[in-house]
Amino acid sequence: MSARIETWLWIVQRGAALVLALAVTVHLVTIIYAVRHGLSAAAVLERLHSNVAWLLFYLVFAAAAALHGGIGLRTIIRETTRWRGASLEVAVGAFILLVALAGWRAAGALFA
């Protein structure tokens, strides 16, 4: 892998970390708000249902988590094994896609 691509992967992972920091903060603040105001799970789901802003928030959250985790996993594999080349890149790409799809499916289920 070229130094240019490695640099871009590093930048994407750090960007995903920034998005995750914000998303986790918003998510936790929302949970604390719901608990402190005595909202039930049903009440929370009712507020989320059909709210496009929350759907977009959780879609971005899932994508950031998938990218950050997948790129990190790639780095760990490269540092601890001899696995290199296209097969590693395809496997990591598939992992990122599967994690993102799982997150998007979960988000979609909240808003269906």
PDB file of N, CA and C in Angstrom:
ATOM      1  N   MET A   1       0.864  -1.171   0.000  1.00  0.00           N
ATOM      2  CA  MET A   1       0.000   0.000   0.000  1.00  0.00           C
ATOM      3  C   MET A   1       0.909   1.233   0.000  1.00  0.00           C
ATOM      4  N   SER A   2       0.550   2.196  -0.801  1.00  0.00           N
ATOM      5  CA  SER A   2       1.378   3.386  -0.931  1.00  0.00           C
ATOM      6  C   SER A   2       1.279   4.266   0.309  1.00  0.00           C
ATOM      7  N   ALA A   3       2.284   5.085   0.476  1.00  0.00           N
ATOM      8  CA  ALA A   3       2.299   6.011   1.610  1.00  0.00           C
ATOM      9  C   ALA A   3       1.128   6.985   1.531  1.00  0.00           C
ATOM     10  N   ARG A   4       0.750   7.345   0.322  1.00  0.00           N
ATOM     11  CA  ARG A   4      -0.372   8.278   0.144  1.00  0.00           C
ATOM     12  C   ARG A   4      -1.683   7.669   0.654  1.00  0.00           C
ATOM     13  N   ILE A   5      -1.926   6.403   0.312  1.00  0.00           N
ATOM     14  CA  ILE A   5      -3.147   5.729   0.768  1.00  0.00           C
ATOM     15  C   ILE A   5      -3.111   5.538   2.278  1.00  0.00           C
ATOM     16  N   GLU A   6      -1.967   5.148   2.809  1.00  0.00           N
ATOM     17  CA  GLU A   6      -1.829   4.991   4.268  1.00  0.00           C
ATOM     18  C   GLU A   6      -2.131   6.311   4.981  1.00  0.00           C
ATOM     19  N   THR A   7      -1.671   7.400   4.409  1.00  0.00           N
ATOM     20  CA  THR A   7      -1.933   8.721   5.000  1.00  0.00           C
ATOM     21  C   THR A   7      -3.423   9.020   4.978  1.00  0.00           C
ATOM     22  N   TRP A   8      -4.081   8.722   3.847  1.00  0.00           N
ATOM     23  CA  TRP A   8      -5.521   8.963   3.764  1.00  0.00           C
ATOM     24  C   TRP A   8      -6.305   8.091   4.741  1.00  0.00           C
ATOM     25  N   LEU A   9      -5.885   6.846   4.900  1.00  0.00           N
ATOM     26  CA  LEU A   9      -6.545   5.979   5.881  1.00  0.00           C
ATOM     27  C   LEU A   9      -6.392   6.548   7.287  1.00  0.00           C
ATOM     28  N   TRP A  10      -5.223   7.069   7.585  1.00  0.00           N
ATOM     29  CA  TRP A  10      -4.976   7.681   8.896  1.00  0.00           C
ATOM     30  C   TRP A  10      -5.904   8.889   9.096  1.00  0.00           C
ATOM     31  N   ILE A  11      -6.015   9.713   8.062  1.00  0.00           N
ATOM     32  CA  ILE A  11      -6.880  10.905   8.147  1.00  0.00           C
ATOM     33  C   ILE A  11      -8.342  10.502   8.299  1.00  0.00           C
ATOM     34  N   VAL A  12      -8.789   9.514   7.526  1.00  0.00           N
ATOM     35  CA  VAL A  12     -10.184   9.061   7.617  1.00  0.00           C
ATOM     36  C   VAL A  12     -10.473   8.494   9.001  1.00  0.00           C
ATOM     37  N   GLN A  13      -9.533   7.715   9.540  1.00  0.00           N
ATOM     38  CA  GLN A  13      -9.766   7.148  10.870  1.00  0.00           C
ATOM     39  C   GLN A  13      -9.849   8.246  11.921  1.00  0.00           C
ATOM     40  N   ARG A  14      -8.992   9.254  11.834  1.00  0.00           N
ATOM     41  CA  ARG A  14      -9.033  10.362  12.803  1.00  0.00           C
ATOM     42  C   ARG A  14     -10.298  11.187  12.635  1.00  0.00           C
ATOM     43  N   GLY A  15     -10.739  11.382  11.392  1.00  0.00           N
ATOM     44  CA  GLY A  15     -11.997  12.086  11.154  1.00  0.00           C
ATOM     45  C   GLY A  15     -13.178  11.322  11.724  1.00  0.00           C
ATOM     46  N   ALA A  16     -13.165  10.000  11.540  1.00  0.00           N
ATOM     47  CA  ALA A  16     -14.224   9.166  12.105  1.00  0.00           C
ATOM     48  C   ALA A  16     -14.204   9.237  13.630  1.00  0.00           C
ATOM     49  N   ALA A  17     -13.016   9.328  14.212  1.00  0.00           N
ATOM     50  CA  ALA A  17     -12.905   9.463  15.669  1.00  0.00           C
ATOM     51  C   ALA A  17     -13.541  10.763  16.151  1.00  0.00           C
ATOM     52  N   LEU A  18     -13.350  11.836  15.412  1.00  0.00           N
ATOM     53  CA  LEU A  18     -13.974  13.110  15.778  1.00  0.00           C
ATOM     54  C   LEU A  18     -15.496  13.023  15.709  1.00  0.00           C
ATOM     55  N   VAL A  19     -15.993  12.401  14.644  1.00  0.00           N
ATOM     56  CA  VAL A  19     -17.444  12.223  14.516  1.00  0.00           C
ATOM     57  C   VAL A  19     -17.960  11.356  15.662  1.00  0.00           C
ATOM     58  N   LEU A  20     -17.233  10.282  15.973  1.00  0.00           N
ATOM     59  CA  LEU A  20     -17.644   9.401  17.070  1.00  0.00           C
ATOM     60  C   LEU A  20     -17.648  10.123  18.413  1.00  0.00           C
ATOM     61  N   ALA A  21     -16.670  10.955  18.655  1.00  0.00           N
ATOM     62  CA  ALA A  21     -16.627  11.690  19.921  1.00  0.00           C
ATOM     63  C   ALA A  21     -17.874  12.549  20.088  1.00  0.00           C
ATOM     64  N   LEU A  22     -18.244  13.238  19.038  1.00  0.00           N
ATOM     65  CA  LEU A  22     -19.452  14.060  19.080  1.00  0.00           C
ATOM     66  C   LEU A  22     -20.708  13.193  19.196  1.00  0.00           C
ATOM     67  N   ALA A  23     -20.784  12.134  18.392  1.00  0.00           N
ATOM     68  CA  ALA A  23     -21.973  11.272  18.388  1.00  0.00           C
ATOM     69  C   ALA A  23     -22.169  10.570  19.724  1.00  0.00           C
ATOM     70  N   VAL A  24     -21.097  10.063  20.303  1.00  0.00           N
ATOM     71  CA  VAL A  24     -21.210   9.399  21.609  1.00  0.00           C
ATOM     72  C   VAL A  24     -21.665  10.398  22.665  1.00  0.00           C
ATOM     73  N   THR A  25     -21.142  11.601  22.618  1.00  0.00           N
ATOM     74  CA  THR A  25     -21.556  12.629  23.575  1.00  0.00           C
ATOM     75  C   THR A  25     -23.046  12.935  23.442  1.00  0.00           C
ATOM     76  N   VAL A  26     -23.506  13.152  22.221  1.00  0.00           N
ATOM     77  CA  VAL A  26     -24.931  13.432  21.993  1.00  0.00           C
ATOM     78  C   VAL A  26     -25.780  12.249  22.441  1.00  0.00           C
ATOM     79  N   HIS A  27     -25.353  11.044  22.108  1.00  0.00           N
ATOM     80  CA  HIS A  27     -26.081   9.834  22.473  1.00  0.00           C
ATOM     81  C   HIS A  27     -26.201   9.702  23.995  1.00  0.00           C
ATOM     82  N   LEU A  28     -25.090   9.885  24.705  1.00  0.00           N
ATOM     83  CA  LEU A  28     -25.111   9.764  26.166  1.00  0.00           C
ATOM     84  C   LEU A  28     -25.925  10.872  26.829  1.00  0.00           C
ATOM     85  N   VAL A  29     -25.802  12.084  26.334  1.00  0.00           N
ATOM     86  CA  VAL A  29     -26.598  13.188  26.883  1.00  0.00           C
ATOM     87  C   VAL A  29     -28.084  12.908  26.676  1.00  0.00           C
ATOM     88  N   THR A  30     -28.432  12.373  25.533  1.00  0.00           N
ATOM     89  CA  THR A  30     -29.828  12.037  25.248  1.00  0.00           C
ATOM     90  C   THR A  30     -30.326  10.952  26.201  1.00  0.00           C
ATOM     91  N   ILE A  31     -29.509   9.944  26.449  1.00  0.00           N
ATOM     92  CA  ILE A  31     -29.887   8.878  27.377  1.00  0.00           C
ATOM     93  C   ILE A  31     -30.072   9.442  28.782  1.00  0.00           C
ATOM     94  N   ILE A  32     -29.146  10.267  29.225  1.00  0.00           N
ATOM     95  CA  ILE A  32     -29.254  10.866  30.560  1.00  0.00           C
ATOM     96  C   ILE A  32     -30.507  11.716  30.660  1.00  0.00           C
ATOM     97  N   TYR A  33     -30.795  12.495  29.624  1.00  0.00           N
ATOM     98  CA  TYR A  33     -32.010  13.315  29.607  1.00  0.00           C
ATOM     99  C   TYR A  33     -33.254  12.430  29.732  1.00  0.00           C
ATOM    100  N   ALA A  34     -33.299  11.357  28.947  1.00  0.00           N
ATOM    101  CA  ALA A  34     -34.461  10.466  28.956  1.00  0.00           C
ATOM    102  C   ALA A  34     -34.656   9.828  30.321  1.00  0.00           C
ATOM    103  N   VAL A  35     -33.581   9.374  30.931  1.00  0.00           N
ATOM    104  CA  VAL A  35     -33.669   8.723  32.239  1.00  0.00           C
ATOM    105  C   VAL A  35     -34.098   9.726  33.301  1.00  0.00           C
ATOM    106  N   ARG A  36     -33.496  10.894  33.301  1.00  0.00           N
ATOM    107  CA  ARG A  36     -33.833  11.903  34.316  1.00  0.00           C
ATOM    108  C   ARG A  36     -35.255  12.421  34.198  1.00  0.00           C
ATOM    109  N   HIS A  37     -35.813  12.354  33.003  1.00  0.00           N
ATOM    110  CA  HIS A  37     -37.186  12.823  32.809  1.00  0.00           C
ATOM    111  C   HIS A  37     -38.197  11.683  32.818  1.00  0.00           C
ATOM    112  N   GLY A  38     -37.751  10.505  33.216  1.00  0.00           N
ATOM    113  CA  GLY A  38     -38.646   9.371  33.387  1.00  0.00           C
ATOM    114  C   GLY A  38     -39.266   8.835  32.111  1.00  0.00           C
ATOM    115  N   LEU A  39     -38.590   9.025  30.995  1.00  0.00           N
ATOM    116  CA  LEU A  39     -39.133   8.529  29.734  1.00  0.00           C
ATOM    117  C   LEU A  39     -38.952   7.012  29.641  1.00  0.00           C
ATOM    118  N   SER A  40     -39.992   6.336  29.243  1.00  0.00           N
ATOM    119  CA  SER A  40     -39.908   4.889  29.039  1.00  0.00           C
ATOM    120  C   SER A  40     -39.271   4.620  27.678  1.00  0.00           C
ATOM    121  N   ALA A  41     -38.913   3.363  27.472  1.00  0.00           N
ATOM    122  CA  ALA A  41     -38.367   2.992  26.165  1.00  0.00           C
ATOM    123  C   ALA A  41     -39.386   3.269  25.063  1.00  0.00           C
ATOM    124  N   ALA A  42     -40.646   2.997  25.353  1.00  0.00           N
ATOM    125  CA  ALA A  42     -41.698   3.257  24.363  1.00  0.00           C
ATOM    126  C   ALA A  42     -41.790   4.746  24.035  1.00  0.00           C
ATOM    127  N   ALA A  43     -41.650   5.597  25.055  1.00  0.00           N
ATOM    128  CA  ALA A  43     -41.710   7.047  24.828  1.00  0.00           C
ATOM    129  C   ALA A  43     -40.522   7.521  23.997  1.00  0.00           C
ATOM    130  N   VAL A  44     -39.359   6.955  24.269  1.00  0.00           N
ATOM    131  CA  VAL A  44     -38.169   7.322  23.486  1.00  0.00           C
ATOM    132  C   VAL A  44     -38.357   6.903  22.035  1.00  0.00           C
ATOM    133  N   LEU A  45     -38.809   5.665  21.820  1.00  0.00           N
ATOM    134  CA  LEU A  45     -39.027   5.182  20.453  1.00  0.00           C
ATOM    135  C   LEU A  45     -40.081   6.004  19.726  1.00  0.00           C
ATOM    136  N   GLU A  46     -41.114   6.429  20.454  1.00  0.00           N
ATOM    137  CA  GLU A  46     -42.151   7.267  19.841  1.00  0.00           C
ATOM    138  C   GLU A  46     -41.573   8.597  19.366  1.00  0.00           C
ATOM    139  N   ARG A  47     -40.659   9.150  20.159  1.00  0.00           N
ATOM    140  CA  ARG A  47     -40.036  10.418  19.761  1.00  0.00           C
ATOM    141  C   ARG A  47     -39.095  10.233  18.576  1.00  0.00           C
ATOM    142  N   LEU A  48     -38.440   9.061  18.498  1.00  0.00           N
ATOM    143  CA  LEU A  48     -37.523   8.791  17.391  1.00  0.00           C
ATOM    144  C   LEU A  48     -38.260   8.484  16.099  1.00  0.00           C
ATOM    145  N   HIS A  49     -39.403   7.824  16.220  1.00  0.00           N
ATOM    146  CA  HIS A  49     -40.158   7.367  15.055  1.00  0.00           C
ATOM    147  C   HIS A  49     -40.442   8.527  14.093  1.00  0.00           C
ATOM    148  N   SER A  50     -40.056   8.328  12.861  1.00  0.00           N
ATOM    149  CA  SER A  50     -40.295   9.296  11.775  1.00  0.00           C
ATOM    150  C   SER A  50     -39.531  10.607  11.935  1.00  0.00           C
ATOM    151  N   ASN A  51     -38.549  10.666  12.808  1.00  0.00           N
ATOM    152  CA  ASN A  51     -37.741  11.867  12.976  1.00  0.00           C
ATOM    153  C   ASN A  51     -36.491  11.716  12.102  1.00  0.00           C
ATOM    154  N   VAL A  52     -36.481  12.377  10.979  1.00  0.00           N
ATOM    155  CA  VAL A  52     -35.408  12.223   9.994  1.00  0.00           C
ATOM    156  C   VAL A  52     -34.055  12.683  10.549  1.00  0.00           C
ATOM    157  N   ALA A  53     -34.053  13.702  11.376  1.00  0.00           N
ATOM    158  CA  ALA A  53     -32.794  14.206  11.948  1.00  0.00           C
ATOM    159  C   ALA A  53     -32.111  13.123  12.781  1.00  0.00           C
ATOM    160  N   TRP A  54     -32.872  12.419  13.617  1.00  0.00           N
ATOM    161  CA  TRP A  54     -32.282  11.348  14.426  1.00  0.00           C
ATOM    162  C   TRP A  54     -31.845  10.177  13.554  1.00  0.00           C
ATOM    163  N   LEU A  55     -32.622   9.876  12.528  1.00  0.00           N
ATOM    164  CA  LEU A  55     -32.236   8.809  11.610  1.00  0.00           C
ATOM    165  C   LEU A  55     -30.895   9.130  10.965  1.00  0.00           C
ATOM    166  N   LEU A  56     -30.747  10.338  10.450  1.00  0.00           N
ATOM    167  CA  LEU A  56     -29.478  10.745   9.840  1.00  0.00           C
ATOM    168  C   LEU A  56     -28.337  10.705  10.849  1.00  0.00           C
ATOM    169  N   PHE A  57     -28.620  11.152  12.068  1.00  0.00           N
ATOM    170  CA  PHE A  57     -27.607  11.119  13.132  1.00  0.00           C
ATOM    171  C   PHE A  57     -27.095   9.696  13.341  1.00  0.00           C
ATOM    172  N   TYR A  58     -28.027   8.736  13.488  1.00  0.00           N
ATOM    173  CA  TYR A  58     -27.609   7.361  13.753  1.00  0.00           C
ATOM    174  C   TYR A  58     -26.997   6.684  12.525  1.00  0.00           C
ATOM    175  N   LEU A  59     -27.379   7.073  11.330  1.00  0.00           N
ATOM    176  CA  LEU A  59     -26.734   6.543  10.127  1.00  0.00           C
ATOM    177  C   LEU A  59     -25.276   6.998  10.052  1.00  0.00           C
ATOM    178  N   VAL A  60     -25.038   8.271  10.354  1.00  0.00           N
ATOM    179  CA  VAL A  60     -23.669   8.798  10.358  1.00  0.00           C
ATOM    180  C   VAL A  60     -22.864   8.156  11.496  1.00  0.00           C
ATOM    181  N   PHE A  61     -23.483   8.007  12.660  1.00  0.00           N
ATOM    182  CA  PHE A  61     -22.847   7.376  13.820  1.00  0.00           C
ATOM    183  C   PHE A  61     -22.371   5.970  13.429  1.00  0.00           C
ATOM    184  N   ALA A  62     -23.240   5.176  12.814  1.00  0.00           N
ATOM    185  CA  ALA A  62     -22.897   3.810  12.427  1.00  0.00           C
ATOM    186  C   ALA A  62     -21.773   3.786  11.390  1.00  0.00           C
ATOM    187  N   ALA A  63     -21.824   4.683  10.427  1.00  0.00           N
ATOM    188  CA  ALA A  63     -20.776   4.735   9.402  1.00  0.00           C
ATOM    189  C   ALA A  63     -19.428   5.099  10.018  1.00  0.00           C
ATOM    190  N   ALA A  64     -19.424   6.064  10.923  1.00  0.00           N
ATOM    191  CA  ALA A  64     -18.176   6.473  11.577  1.00  0.00           C
ATOM    192  C   ALA A  64     -17.602   5.329  12.401  1.00  0.00           C
ATOM    193  N   ALA A  65     -18.469   4.613  13.119  1.00  0.00           N
ATOM    194  CA  ALA A  65     -17.998   3.480  13.922  1.00  0.00           C
ATOM    195  C   ALA A  65     -17.406   2.387  13.044  1.00  0.00           C
ATOM    196  N   ALA A  66     -18.068   2.096  11.930  1.00  0.00           N
ATOM    197  CA  ALA A  66     -17.579   1.066  11.013  1.00  0.00           C
ATOM    198  C   ALA A  66     -16.224   1.442  10.415  1.00  0.00           C
ATOM    199  N   LEU A  67     -16.102   2.683   9.960  1.00  0.00           N
ATOM    200  CA  LEU A  67     -14.827   3.133   9.385  1.00  0.00           C
ATOM    201  C   LEU A  67     -13.712   3.132  10.421  1.00  0.00           C
ATOM    202  N   HIS A  68     -13.978   3.709  11.566  1.00  0.00           N
ATOM    203  CA  HIS A  68     -12.954   3.809  12.601  1.00  0.00           C
ATOM    204  C   HIS A  68     -12.492   2.416  13.044  1.00  0.00           C
ATOM    205  N   GLY A  69     -13.462   1.543  13.319  1.00  0.00           N
ATOM    206  CA  GLY A  69     -13.121   0.196  13.769  1.00  0.00           C
ATOM    207  C   GLY A  69     -12.439  -0.627  12.698  1.00  0.00           C
ATOM    208  N   GLY A  70     -12.929  -0.538  11.476  1.00  0.00           N
ATOM    209  CA  GLY A  70     -12.341  -1.313  10.390  1.00  0.00           C
ATOM    210  C   GLY A  70     -10.908  -0.918  10.070  1.00  0.00           C
ATOM    211  N   ILE A  71     -10.655   0.370  10.009  1.00  0.00           N
ATOM    212  CA  ILE A  71      -9.288   0.835   9.735  1.00  0.00           C
ATOM    213  C   ILE A  71      -8.365   0.460  10.888  1.00  0.00           C
ATOM    214  N   GLY A  72      -8.875   0.569  12.112  1.00  0.00           N
ATOM    215  CA  GLY A  72      -8.081   0.152  13.273  1.00  0.00           C
ATOM    216  C   GLY A  72      -7.780  -1.335  13.250  1.00  0.00           C
ATOM    217  N   LEU A  73      -8.770  -2.146  12.879  1.00  0.00           N
ATOM    218  CA  LEU A  73      -8.568  -3.592  12.776  1.00  0.00           C
ATOM    219  C   LEU A  73      -7.516  -3.910  11.716  1.00  0.00           C
ATOM    220  N   ARG A  74      -7.560  -3.215  10.599  1.00  0.00           N
ATOM    221  CA  ARG A  74      -6.565  -3.401   9.537  1.00  0.00           C
ATOM    222  C   ARG A  74      -5.162  -3.132  10.067  1.00  0.00           C
ATOM    223  N   THR A  75      -5.031  -2.050  10.816  1.00  0.00           N
ATOM    224  CA  THR A  75      -3.724  -1.700  11.380  1.00  0.00           C
ATOM    225  C   THR A  75      -3.230  -2.773  12.342  1.00  0.00           C
ATOM    226  N   ILE A  76      -4.114  -3.238  13.203  1.00  0.00           N
ATOM    227  CA  ILE A  76      -3.734  -4.283  14.163  1.00  0.00           C
ATOM    228  C   ILE A  76      -3.304  -5.552  13.436  1.00  0.00           C
ATOM    229  N   ILE A  77      -4.069  -5.958  12.426  1.00  0.00           N
ATOM    230  CA  ILE A  77      -3.727  -7.158  11.663  1.00  0.00           C
ATOM    231  C   ILE A  77      -2.364  -6.996  10.995  1.00  0.00           C
ATOM    232  N   ARG A  78      -2.112  -5.840  10.394  1.00  0.00           N
ATOM    233  CA  ARG A  78      -0.826  -5.614   9.719  1.00  0.00           C
ATOM    234  C   ARG A  78       0.339  -5.589  10.700  1.00  0.00           C
ATOM    235  N   GLU A  79       0.095  -5.127  11.936  1.00  0.00           N
ATOM    236  CA  GLU A  79       1.175  -5.048  12.929  1.00  0.00           C
ATOM    237  C   GLU A  79       1.438  -6.375  13.633  1.00  0.00           C
ATOM    238  N   THR A  80       0.472  -7.280  13.621  1.00  0.00           N
ATOM    239  CA  THR A  80       0.623  -8.509  14.404  1.00  0.00           C
ATOM    240  C   THR A  80       0.691  -9.780  13.558  1.00  0.00           C
ATOM    241  N   THR A  81       0.461  -9.665  12.250  1.00  0.00           N
ATOM    242  CA  THR A  81       0.518 -10.835  11.376  1.00  0.00           C
ATOM    243  C   THR A  81       1.303 -10.499  10.116  1.00  0.00           C
ATOM    244  N   ARG A  82       1.440 -11.499   9.267  1.00  0.00           N
ATOM    245  CA  ARG A  82       2.103 -11.288   7.979  1.00  0.00           C
ATOM    246  C   ARG A  82       1.099 -11.023   6.862  1.00  0.00           C
ATOM    247  N   TRP A  83      -0.169 -10.947   7.215  1.00  0.00           N
ATOM    248  CA  TRP A  83      -1.227 -10.771   6.202  1.00  0.00           C
ATOM    249  C   TRP A  83      -1.105  -9.399   5.561  1.00  0.00           C
ATOM    250  N   ARG A  84      -0.950  -9.383   4.246  1.00  0.00           N
ATOM    251  CA  ARG A  84      -0.826  -8.157   3.463  1.00  0.00           C
ATOM    252  C   ARG A  84      -1.550  -8.356   2.136  1.00  0.00           C
ATOM    253  N   GLY A  85      -1.607  -7.318   1.356  1.00  0.00           N
ATOM    254  CA  GLY A  85      -2.095  -7.430  -0.005  1.00  0.00           C
ATOM    255  C   GLY A  85      -3.590  -7.256  -0.155  1.00  0.00           C
ATOM    256  N   ALA A  86      -4.030  -7.580  -1.356  1.00  0.00           N
ATOM    257  CA  ALA A  86      -5.425  -7.337  -1.735  1.00  0.00           C
ATOM    258  C   ALA A  86      -6.405  -8.125  -0.872  1.00  0.00           C
ATOM    259  N   SER A  87      -6.051  -9.330  -0.467  1.00  0.00           N
ATOM    260  CA  SER A  87      -6.987 -10.127   0.330  1.00  0.00           C
ATOM    261  C   SER A  87      -7.290  -9.456   1.668  1.00  0.00           C
ATOM    262  N   LEU A  88      -6.298  -8.838   2.275  1.00  0.00           N
ATOM    263  CA  LEU A  88      -6.527  -8.107   3.528  1.00  0.00           C
ATOM    264  C   LEU A  88      -7.424  -6.903   3.277  1.00  0.00           C
ATOM    265  N   GLU A  89      -7.141  -6.177   2.217  1.00  0.00           N
ATOM    266  CA  GLU A  89      -7.928  -4.974   1.916  1.00  0.00           C
ATOM    267  C   GLU A  89      -9.389  -5.328   1.632  1.00  0.00           C
ATOM    268  N   VAL A  90      -9.611  -6.416   0.905  1.00  0.00           N
ATOM    269  CA  VAL A  90     -10.976  -6.858   0.610  1.00  0.00           C
ATOM    270  C   VAL A  90     -11.676  -7.309   1.892  1.00  0.00           C
ATOM    271  N   ALA A  91     -10.971  -8.061   2.735  1.00  0.00           N
ATOM    272  CA  ALA A  91     -11.563  -8.538   3.985  1.00  0.00           C
ATOM    273  C   ALA A  91     -11.939  -7.370   4.893  1.00  0.00           C
ATOM    274  N   VAL A  92     -11.055  -6.394   5.011  1.00  0.00           N
ATOM    275  CA  VAL A  92     -11.340  -5.227   5.850  1.00  0.00           C
ATOM    276  C   VAL A  92     -12.477  -4.407   5.239  1.00  0.00           C
ATOM    277  N   GLY A  93     -12.467  -4.250   3.934  1.00  0.00           N
ATOM    278  CA  GLY A  93     -13.566  -3.545   3.280  1.00  0.00           C
ATOM    279  C   GLY A  93     -14.900  -4.228   3.524  1.00  0.00           C
ATOM    280  N   ALA A  94     -14.916  -5.560   3.456  1.00  0.00           N
ATOM    281  CA  ALA A  94     -16.136  -6.317   3.722  1.00  0.00           C
ATOM    282  C   ALA A  94     -16.569  -6.154   5.174  1.00  0.00           C
ATOM    283  N   PHE A  95     -15.596  -6.158   6.094  1.00  0.00           N
ATOM    284  CA  PHE A  95     -15.901  -5.961   7.515  1.00  0.00           C
ATOM    285  C   PHE A  95     -16.539  -4.590   7.736  1.00  0.00           C
ATOM    286  N   ILE A  96     -15.941  -3.562   7.156  1.00  0.00           N
ATOM    287  CA  ILE A  96     -16.483  -2.204   7.297  1.00  0.00           C
ATOM    288  C   ILE A  96     -17.901  -2.137   6.742  1.00  0.00           C
ATOM    289  N   LEU A  97     -18.112  -2.719   5.585  1.00  0.00           N
ATOM    290  CA  LEU A  97     -19.444  -2.696   4.971  1.00  0.00           C
ATOM    291  C   LEU A  97     -20.458  -3.449   5.828  1.00  0.00           C
ATOM    292  N   LEU A  98     -20.097  -4.619   6.338  1.00  0.00           N
ATOM    293  CA  LEU A  98     -21.020  -5.401   7.164  1.00  0.00           C
ATOM    294  C   LEU A  98     -21.372  -4.678   8.458  1.00  0.00           C
ATOM    295  N   VAL A  99     -20.382  -4.083   9.105  1.00  0.00           N
ATOM    296  CA  VAL A  99     -20.653  -3.350  10.344  1.00  0.00           C
ATOM    297  C   VAL A  99     -21.541  -2.138  10.058  1.00  0.00           C
ATOM    298  N   ALA A 100     -21.240  -1.416   8.982  1.00  0.00           N
ATOM    299  CA  ALA A 100     -22.071  -0.257   8.617  1.00  0.00           C
ATOM    300  C   ALA A 100     -23.499  -0.692   8.304  1.00  0.00           C
ATOM    301  N   LEU A 101     -23.655  -1.766   7.548  1.00  0.00           N
ATOM    302  CA  LEU A 101     -24.995  -2.250   7.210  1.00  0.00           C
ATOM    303  C   LEU A 101     -25.762  -2.685   8.452  1.00  0.00           C
ATOM    304  N   ALA A 102     -25.088  -3.330   9.388  1.00  0.00           N
ATOM    305  CA  ALA A 102     -25.741  -3.738  10.635  1.00  0.00           C
ATOM    306  C   ALA A 102     -26.209  -2.511  11.410  1.00  0.00           C
ATOM    307  N   GLY A 103     -25.364  -1.492  11.481  1.00  0.00           N
ATOM    308  CA  GLY A 103     -25.742  -0.257  12.165  1.00  0.00           C
ATOM    309  C   GLY A 103     -26.877   0.466  11.469  1.00  0.00           C
ATOM    310  N   TRP A 104     -26.823   0.501  10.152  1.00  0.00           N
ATOM    311  CA  TRP A 104     -27.887   1.164   9.389  1.00  0.00           C
ATOM    312  C   TRP A 104     -29.201   0.407   9.517  1.00  0.00           C
ATOM    313  N   ARG A 105     -29.114  -0.920   9.569  1.00  0.00           N
ATOM    314  CA  ARG A 105     -30.334  -1.725   9.750  1.00  0.00           C
ATOM    315  C   ARG A 105     -30.943  -1.476  11.118  1.00  0.00           C
ATOM    316  N   ALA A 106     -30.102  -1.399  12.147  1.00  0.00           N
ATOM    317  CA  ALA A 106     -30.603  -1.114  13.487  1.00  0.00           C
ATOM    318  C   ALA A 106     -31.233   0.276  13.549  1.00  0.00           C
ATOM    319  N   ALA A 107     -30.580   1.238  12.938  1.00  0.00           N
ATOM    320  CA  ALA A 107     -31.135   2.598  12.920  1.00  0.00           C
ATOM    321  C   ALA A 107     -32.458   2.622  12.170  1.00  0.00           C
ATOM    322  N   GLY A 108     -32.500   1.948  11.045  1.00  0.00           N
ATOM    323  CA  GLY A 108     -33.728   1.901  10.267  1.00  0.00           C
ATOM    324  C   GLY A 108     -34.867   1.253  11.024  1.00  0.00           C
ATOM    325  N   ALA A 109     -34.549   0.241  11.836  1.00  0.00           N
ATOM    326  CA  ALA A 109     -35.596  -0.434  12.617  1.00  0.00           C
ATOM    327  C   ALA A 109     -36.221   0.512  13.636  1.00  0.00           C
ATOM    328  N   LEU A 110     -35.445   1.452  14.140  1.00  0.00           N
ATOM    329  CA  LEU A 110     -35.972   2.418  15.117  1.00  0.00           C
ATOM    330  C   LEU A 110     -36.942   3.401  14.488  1.00  0.00           C
ATOM    331  N   PHE A 111     -36.818   3.584  13.193  1.00  0.00           N
ATOM    332  CA  PHE A 111     -37.576   4.643  12.524  1.00  0.00           C
ATOM    333  C   PHE A 111     -38.646   4.102  11.585  1.00  0.00           C
ATOM    334  N   ALA A 112     -38.765   2.773  11.526  1.00  0.00           N
ATOM    335  CA  ALA A 112     -39.749   2.144  10.611  1.00  0.00           C
ATOM    336  C   ALA A 112     -41.176   2.355  11.088  1.00  0.00           C
TER     337      ALA A 112
END
